[in-house]
PDB file of N, CA and C in Angstrom:
ATOM      1  N   MET A   1      -6.864 -20.026  -4.113  1.00  0.00           N
ATOM      2  CA  MET A   1      -5.825 -19.145  -4.280  1.00  0.00           C
ATOM      3  C   MET A   1      -4.952 -19.492  -2.929  1.00  0.00           C
ATOM      4  N   ARG A   2      -6.059 -20.326  -2.062  1.00  0.00           N
ATOM      5  CA  ARG A   2      -5.216 -20.500  -0.674  1.00  0.00           C
ATOM      6  C   ARG A   2      -4.429 -21.723  -0.852  1.00  0.00           C
ATOM      7  N   ALA A   3      -4.943 -22.599  -1.713  1.00  0.00           N
ATOM      8  CA  ALA A   3      -4.064 -23.875  -2.053  1.00  0.00           C
ATOM      9  C   ALA A   3      -2.952 -23.285  -2.927  1.00  0.00           C
ATOM     10  N   LEU A   4      -3.006 -22.515  -3.968  1.00  0.00           N
ATOM     11  CA  LEU A   4      -1.555 -22.228  -4.696  1.00  0.00           C
ATOM     12  C   LEU A   4      -0.683 -21.538  -3.792  1.00  0.00           C
ATOM     13  N   SER A   5      -1.008 -20.731  -2.441  1.00  0.00           N
ATOM     14  CA  SER A   5      -0.339 -20.114  -1.565  1.00  0.00           C
ATOM     15  C   SER A   5       0.238 -21.153  -0.713  1.00  0.00           C
ATOM     16  N   ALA A   6      -0.372 -22.389  -0.199  1.00  0.00           N
ATOM     17  CA  ALA A   6       0.026 -23.267   0.479  1.00  0.00           C
ATOM     18  C   ALA A   6       1.071 -24.052  -0.185  1.00  0.00           C
ATOM     19  N   ASP A   7       0.754 -24.151  -1.614  1.00  0.00           N
ATOM     20  CA  ASP A   7       1.709 -25.080  -2.513  1.00  0.00           C
ATOM     21  C   ASP A   7       3.157 -24.280  -2.761  1.00  0.00           C
ATOM     22  N   PHE A   8       3.444 -22.624  -2.863  1.00  0.00           N
ATOM     23  CA  PHE A   8       4.186 -22.328  -3.088  1.00  0.00           C
ATOM     24  C   PHE A   8       4.907 -21.812  -1.578  1.00  0.00           C
ATOM     25  N   GLU A   9       4.240 -21.684  -0.417  1.00  0.00           N
ATOM     26  CA  GLU A   9       5.096 -21.659   0.833  1.00  0.00           C
ATOM     27  C   GLU A   9       5.542 -23.228   0.844  1.00  0.00           C
ATOM     28  N   ARG A  10       5.024 -23.918   0.488  1.00  0.00           N
ATOM     29  CA  ARG A  10       5.807 -25.568   0.825  1.00  0.00           C
ATOM     30  C   ARG A  10       6.996 -25.648  -0.103  1.00  0.00           C
ATOM     31  N   HIS A  11       7.036 -25.442  -1.390  1.00  0.00           N
ATOM     32  CA  HIS A  11       7.747 -26.363  -2.345  1.00  0.00           C
ATOM     33  C   HIS A  11       8.278 -24.739  -3.046  1.00  0.00           C
ATOM     34  N   GLY A  12       8.094 -23.629  -2.915  1.00  0.00           N
ATOM     35  CA  GLY A  12       8.450 -22.405  -3.608  1.00  0.00           C
ATOM     36  C   GLY A  12       9.699 -22.527  -4.143  1.00  0.00           C
ATOM     37  N   GLU A  13      10.746 -22.435  -3.050  1.00  0.00           N
ATOM     38  CA  GLU A  13      12.271 -21.827  -3.348  1.00  0.00           C
ATOM     39  C   GLU A  13      13.060 -23.357  -4.151  1.00  0.00           C
ATOM     40  N   THR A  14      12.455 -24.483  -3.781  1.00  0.00           N
ATOM     41  CA  THR A  14      12.854 -25.583  -4.164  1.00  0.00           C
ATOM     42  C   THR A  14      12.503 -26.015  -5.302  1.00  0.00           C
ATOM     43  N   VAL A  15      11.356 -25.376  -6.112  1.00  0.00           N
ATOM     44  CA  VAL A  15      11.051 -25.357  -7.721  1.00  0.00           C
ATOM     45  C   VAL A  15      11.705 -24.594  -8.193  1.00  0.00           C
ATOM     46  N   ILE A  16      11.542 -23.282  -7.853  1.00  0.00           N
ATOM     47  CA  ILE A  16      12.541 -22.284  -8.506  1.00  0.00           C
ATOM     48  C   ILE A  16      13.956 -22.520  -8.638  1.00  0.00           C
ATOM     49  N   GLU A  17      14.438 -23.092  -7.590  1.00  0.00           N
ATOM     50  CA  GLU A  17      15.762 -23.397  -7.931  1.00  0.00           C
ATOM     51  C   GLU A  17      15.884 -24.536  -8.757  1.00  0.00           C
ATOM     52  N   ALA A  18      15.107 -25.549  -9.173  1.00  0.00           N
ATOM     53  CA  ALA A  18      15.255 -26.718  -9.629  1.00  0.00           C
ATOM     54  C   ALA A  18      15.006 -26.342 -11.092  1.00  0.00           C
ATOM     55  N   VAL A  19      13.857 -25.108 -11.272  1.00  0.00           N
ATOM     56  CA  VAL A  19      13.565 -24.912 -12.891  1.00  0.00           C
ATOM     57  C   VAL A  19      14.909 -23.924 -13.474  1.00  0.00           C
ATOM     58  N   ARG A  20      15.291 -23.065 -12.138  1.00  0.00           N
ATOM     59  CA  ARG A  20      16.544 -22.363 -13.030  1.00  0.00           C
ATOM     60  C   ARG A  20      17.864 -23.101 -13.240  1.00  0.00           C
ATOM     61  N   THR A  21      18.267 -24.131 -12.110  1.00  0.00           N
ATOM     62  CA  THR A  21      19.575 -24.754 -12.714  1.00  0.00           C
ATOM     63  C   THR A  21      19.329 -25.758 -13.272  1.00  0.00           C
ATOM     64  N   THR A  22      18.405 -26.770 -13.145  1.00  0.00           N
ATOM     65  CA  THR A  22      18.233 -27.901 -14.018  1.00  0.00           C
ATOM     66  C   THR A  22      17.241 -28.367 -14.872  1.00  0.00           C
ATOM     67  N   SER A  23      15.823 -28.142 -14.766  1.00  0.00           N
ATOM     68  CA  SER A  23      14.878 -28.502 -15.796  1.00  0.00           C
ATOM     69  C   SER A  23      14.540 -27.638 -16.913  1.00  0.00           C
ATOM     70  N   GLU A  24      14.091 -26.172 -16.339  1.00  0.00           N
ATOM     71  CA  GLU A  24      13.508 -25.417 -17.597  1.00  0.00           C
ATOM     72  C   GLU A  24      14.551 -23.894 -17.418  1.00  0.00           C
ATOM     73  N   PRO A  25      15.657 -23.474 -17.570  1.00  0.00           N
ATOM     74  CA  PRO A  25      16.069 -22.521 -17.687  1.00  0.00           C
ATOM     75  C   PRO A  25      15.457 -21.157 -18.082  1.00  0.00           C
ATOM     76  N   ALA A  26      14.925 -21.739 -19.466  1.00  0.00           N
ATOM     77  CA  ALA A  26      14.469 -20.538 -20.372  1.00  0.00           C
ATOM     78  C   ALA A  26      13.016 -20.234 -19.839  1.00  0.00           C
ATOM     79  N   THR A  27      12.382 -21.216 -18.841  1.00  0.00           N
ATOM     80  CA  THR A  27      10.950 -20.696 -18.465  1.00  0.00           C
ATOM     81  C   THR A  27      11.459 -19.688 -17.047  1.00  0.00           C
ATOM     82  N   TYR A  28      12.188 -20.001 -16.532  1.00  0.00           N
ATOM     83  CA  TYR A  28      12.800 -19.331 -15.080  1.00  0.00           C
ATOM     84  C   TYR A  28      13.086 -17.829 -15.772  1.00  0.00           C
ATOM     85  N   LEU A  29      13.974 -17.782 -16.756  1.00  0.00           N
ATOM     86  CA  LEU A  29      14.279 -16.425 -17.482  1.00  0.00           C
ATOM     87  C   LEU A  29      12.794 -15.595 -17.985  1.00  0.00           C
ATOM     88  N   ARG A  30      12.275 -16.372 -18.582  1.00  0.00           N
ATOM     89  CA  ARG A  30      10.713 -15.999 -19.067  1.00  0.00           C
ATOM     90  C   ARG A  30       9.988 -15.092 -17.808  1.00  0.00           C
ATOM     91  N   VAL A  31      10.058 -15.821 -16.793  1.00  0.00           N
ATOM     92  CA  VAL A  31       8.907 -15.379 -15.602  1.00  0.00           C
ATOM     93  C   VAL A  31       9.465 -14.535 -14.841  1.00  0.00           C
ATOM     94  N   VAL A  32      10.994 -14.437 -14.734  1.00  0.00           N
ATOM     95  CA  VAL A  32      11.984 -13.292 -14.160  1.00  0.00           C
ATOM     96  C   VAL A  32      11.989 -12.036 -14.758  1.00  0.00           C
ATOM     97  N   ALA A  33      11.933 -12.309 -16.188  1.00  0.00           N
ATOM     98  CA  ALA A  33      11.946 -11.113 -17.064  1.00  0.00           C
ATOM     99  C   ALA A  33      10.520 -10.450 -17.292  1.00  0.00           C
ATOM    100  N   SER A  34       9.395 -11.213 -17.210  1.00  0.00           N
ATOM    101  CA  SER A  34       8.197 -10.615 -17.480  1.00  0.00           C
ATOM    102  C   SER A  34       7.782  -9.363 -16.064  1.00  0.00           C
ATOM    103  N   PRO A  35       6.956  -8.372 -16.623  1.00  0.00           N
ATOM    104  CA  PRO A  35       6.704  -7.207 -15.999  1.00  0.00           C
ATOM    105  C   PRO A  35       5.681  -7.922 -14.750  1.00  0.00           C
ATOM    106  N   PRO A  36       5.937  -7.546 -13.500  1.00  0.00           N
ATOM    107  CA  PRO A  36       5.257  -8.050 -12.331  1.00  0.00           C
ATOM    108  C   PRO A  36       3.664  -7.723 -12.780  1.00  0.00           C
ATOM    109  N   ARG A  37       2.746  -8.548 -12.059  1.00  0.00           N
ATOM    110  CA  ARG A  37       1.484  -8.222 -11.819  1.00  0.00           C
ATOM    111  C   ARG A  37       1.122  -7.538 -10.804  1.00  0.00           C
ATOM    112  N   GLN A  38      -0.001  -6.823 -11.231  1.00  0.00           N
ATOM    113  CA  GLN A  38      -0.662  -6.264  -9.577  1.00  0.00           C
ATOM    114  C   GLN A  38      -0.435  -7.138  -8.603  1.00  0.00           C
ATOM    115  N   GLU A  39      -0.587  -7.099  -7.441  1.00  0.00           N
ATOM    116  CA  GLU A  39      -0.936  -7.840  -6.510  1.00  0.00           C
ATOM    117  C   GLU A  39      -2.579  -8.267  -6.045  1.00  0.00           C
ATOM    118  N   ILE A  40      -2.884  -9.234  -6.251  1.00  0.00           N
ATOM    119  CA  ILE A  40      -4.394  -9.736  -5.926  1.00  0.00           C
ATOM    120  C   ILE A  40      -4.842  -9.721  -4.692  1.00  0.00           C
ATOM    121  N   LYS A  41      -5.643  -8.868  -4.097  1.00  0.00           N
ATOM    122  CA  LYS A  41      -6.053  -9.148  -2.693  1.00  0.00           C
ATOM    123  C   LYS A  41      -7.341  -9.902  -2.805  1.00  0.00           C
ATOM    124  N   ALA A  42      -7.740 -10.985  -2.162  1.00  0.00           N
ATOM    125  CA  ALA A  42      -9.200 -11.309  -2.351  1.00  0.00           C
ATOM    126  C   ALA A  42      -9.459 -11.720  -0.945  1.00  0.00           C
ATOM    127  N   ARG A  43     -10.679 -11.419  -0.748  1.00  0.00           N
ATOM    128  CA  ARG A  43     -11.423 -11.757   0.451  1.00  0.00           C
ATOM    129  C   ARG A  43     -12.861 -12.552   0.153  1.00  0.00           C
ATOM    130  N   ILE A  44     -13.297 -13.497   0.470  1.00  0.00           N
ATOM    131  CA  ILE A  44     -15.005 -13.795   0.405  1.00  0.00           C
ATOM    132  C   ILE A  44     -15.462 -13.384   1.697  1.00  0.00           C
ATOM    133  N   PRO A  45     -16.454 -12.415   1.389  1.00  0.00           N
ATOM    134  CA  PRO A  45     -17.292 -11.834   2.408  1.00  0.00           C
ATOM    135  C   PRO A  45     -17.907 -13.080   3.159  1.00  0.00           C
ATOM    136  N   GLU A  46     -18.316 -12.977   4.392  1.00  0.00           N
ATOM    137  CA  GLU A  46     -19.288 -13.927   4.984  1.00  0.00           C
ATOM    138  C   GLU A  46     -20.825 -13.554   4.716  1.00  0.00           C
ATOM    139  N   ASP A  47     -20.880 -12.353   4.781  1.00  0.00           N
ATOM    140  CA  ASP A  47     -22.028 -11.718   4.791  1.00  0.00           C
ATOM    141  C   ASP A  47     -21.852 -10.339   3.696  1.00  0.00           C
ATOM    142  N   LYS A  48     -22.810  -9.338   3.741  1.00  0.00           N
ATOM    143  CA  LYS A  48     -22.921  -7.987   3.159  1.00  0.00           C
ATOM    144  C   LYS A  48     -21.818  -7.182   3.883  1.00  0.00           C
ATOM    145  N   PRO A  49     -20.968  -6.253   3.100  1.00  0.00           N
ATOM    146  CA  PRO A  49     -20.056  -5.671   3.430  1.00  0.00           C
ATOM    147  C   PRO A  49     -20.606  -4.179   4.401  1.00  0.00           C
ATOM    148  N   THR A  50     -19.931  -4.198   5.292  1.00  0.00           N
ATOM    149  CA  THR A  50     -20.423  -2.683   6.120  1.00  0.00           C
ATOM    150  C   THR A  50     -20.384  -1.523   4.784  1.00  0.00           C
ATOM    151  N   ASP A  51     -20.889  -0.472   5.435  1.00  0.00           N
ATOM    152  CA  ASP A  51     -20.697   0.721   4.785  1.00  0.00           C
ATOM    153  C   ASP A  51     -19.353   1.394   4.698  1.00  0.00           C
ATOM    154  N   GLU A  52     -18.609   1.099   5.945  1.00  0.00           N
ATOM    155  CA  GLU A  52     -17.111   1.477   6.329  1.00  0.00           C
ATOM    156  C   GLU A  52     -16.449   0.728   4.942  1.00  0.00           C
ATOM    157  N   GLU A  53     -16.518  -0.568   4.826  1.00  0.00           N
ATOM    158  CA  GLU A  53     -15.865  -1.349   4.160  1.00  0.00           C
ATOM    159  C   GLU A  53     -16.071  -0.767   2.551  1.00  0.00           C
ATOM    160  N   VAL A  54     -17.289  -0.490   2.486  1.00  0.00           N
ATOM    161  CA  VAL A  54     -17.742  -0.182   0.953  1.00  0.00           C
ATOM    162  C   VAL A  54     -16.978   1.186   0.540  1.00  0.00           C
ATOM    163  N   GLU A  55     -16.600   2.042   1.819  1.00  0.00           N
ATOM    164  CA  GLU A  55     -16.129   3.182   1.479  1.00  0.00           C
ATOM    165  C   GLU A  55     -14.664   3.172   1.163  1.00  0.00           C
ATOM    166  N   LEU A  56     -14.143   2.206   2.289  1.00  0.00           N
ATOM    167  CA  LEU A  56     -12.720   1.691   1.918  1.00  0.00           C
ATOM    168  C   LEU A  56     -12.526   1.324   0.256  1.00  0.00           C
ATOM    169  N   LEU A  57     -13.139   0.535   0.079  1.00  0.00           N
ATOM    170  CA  LEU A  57     -13.104  -0.431  -1.332  1.00  0.00           C
ATOM    171  C   LEU A  57     -13.245   0.869  -2.444  1.00  0.00           C
ATOM    172  N   ASN A  58     -14.227   1.936  -2.359  1.00  0.00           N
ATOM    173  CA  ASN A  58     -14.462   2.866  -3.352  1.00  0.00           C
ATOM    174  C   ASN A  58     -13.131   3.728  -3.246  1.00  0.00           C
ATOM    175  N   GLU A  59     -12.346   3.970  -1.948  1.00  0.00           N
ATOM    176  CA  GLU A  59     -11.192   5.004  -2.056  1.00  0.00           C
ATOM    177  C   GLU A  59     -10.221   4.056  -2.947  1.00  0.00           C
ATOM    178  N   GLN A  60      -9.733   2.938  -2.427  1.00  0.00           N
ATOM    179  CA  GLN A  60      -8.681   2.305  -2.935  1.00  0.00           C
ATOM    180  C   GLN A  60      -8.876   1.995  -4.399  1.00  0.00           C
ATOM    181  N   HIS A  61     -10.137   1.958  -5.119  1.00  0.00           N
ATOM    182  CA  HIS A  61     -10.243   1.915  -6.297  1.00  0.00           C
ATOM    183  C   HIS A  61     -10.259   3.024  -6.722  1.00  0.00           C
ATOM    184  N   ASN A  62     -10.316   4.391  -6.365  1.00  0.00           N
ATOM    185  CA  ASN A  62     -10.540   5.749  -7.092  1.00  0.00           C
ATOM    186  C   ASN A  62      -9.141   5.893  -7.085  1.00  0.00           C
ATOM    187  N   ARG A  63      -7.802   5.515  -6.201  1.00  0.00           N
ATOM    188  CA  ARG A  63      -6.515   5.888  -6.154  1.00  0.00           C
ATOM    189  C   ARG A  63      -5.775   5.225  -7.308  1.00  0.00           C
ATOM    190  N   ARG A  64      -6.235   4.422  -7.910  1.00  0.00           N
ATOM    191  CA  ARG A  64      -5.601   3.471  -8.886  1.00  0.00           C
ATOM    192  C   ARG A  64      -5.789   4.285 -10.226  1.00  0.00           C
TER     193      ARG A  64
END
């Protein structure tokens, strides 16, 4: 995910413009018209989560 994020930060707007205007306008339209997906938030724990973190995650999950 970090590599994908870094790639988008570096090339995102340029690639979007190129796809939209020159190379594949149908692909651009398909992506733009598709429903948004849920934001994915991930973290890689270095060790076990604390009780507070587990409680917070449970609360976030139950709100969905």
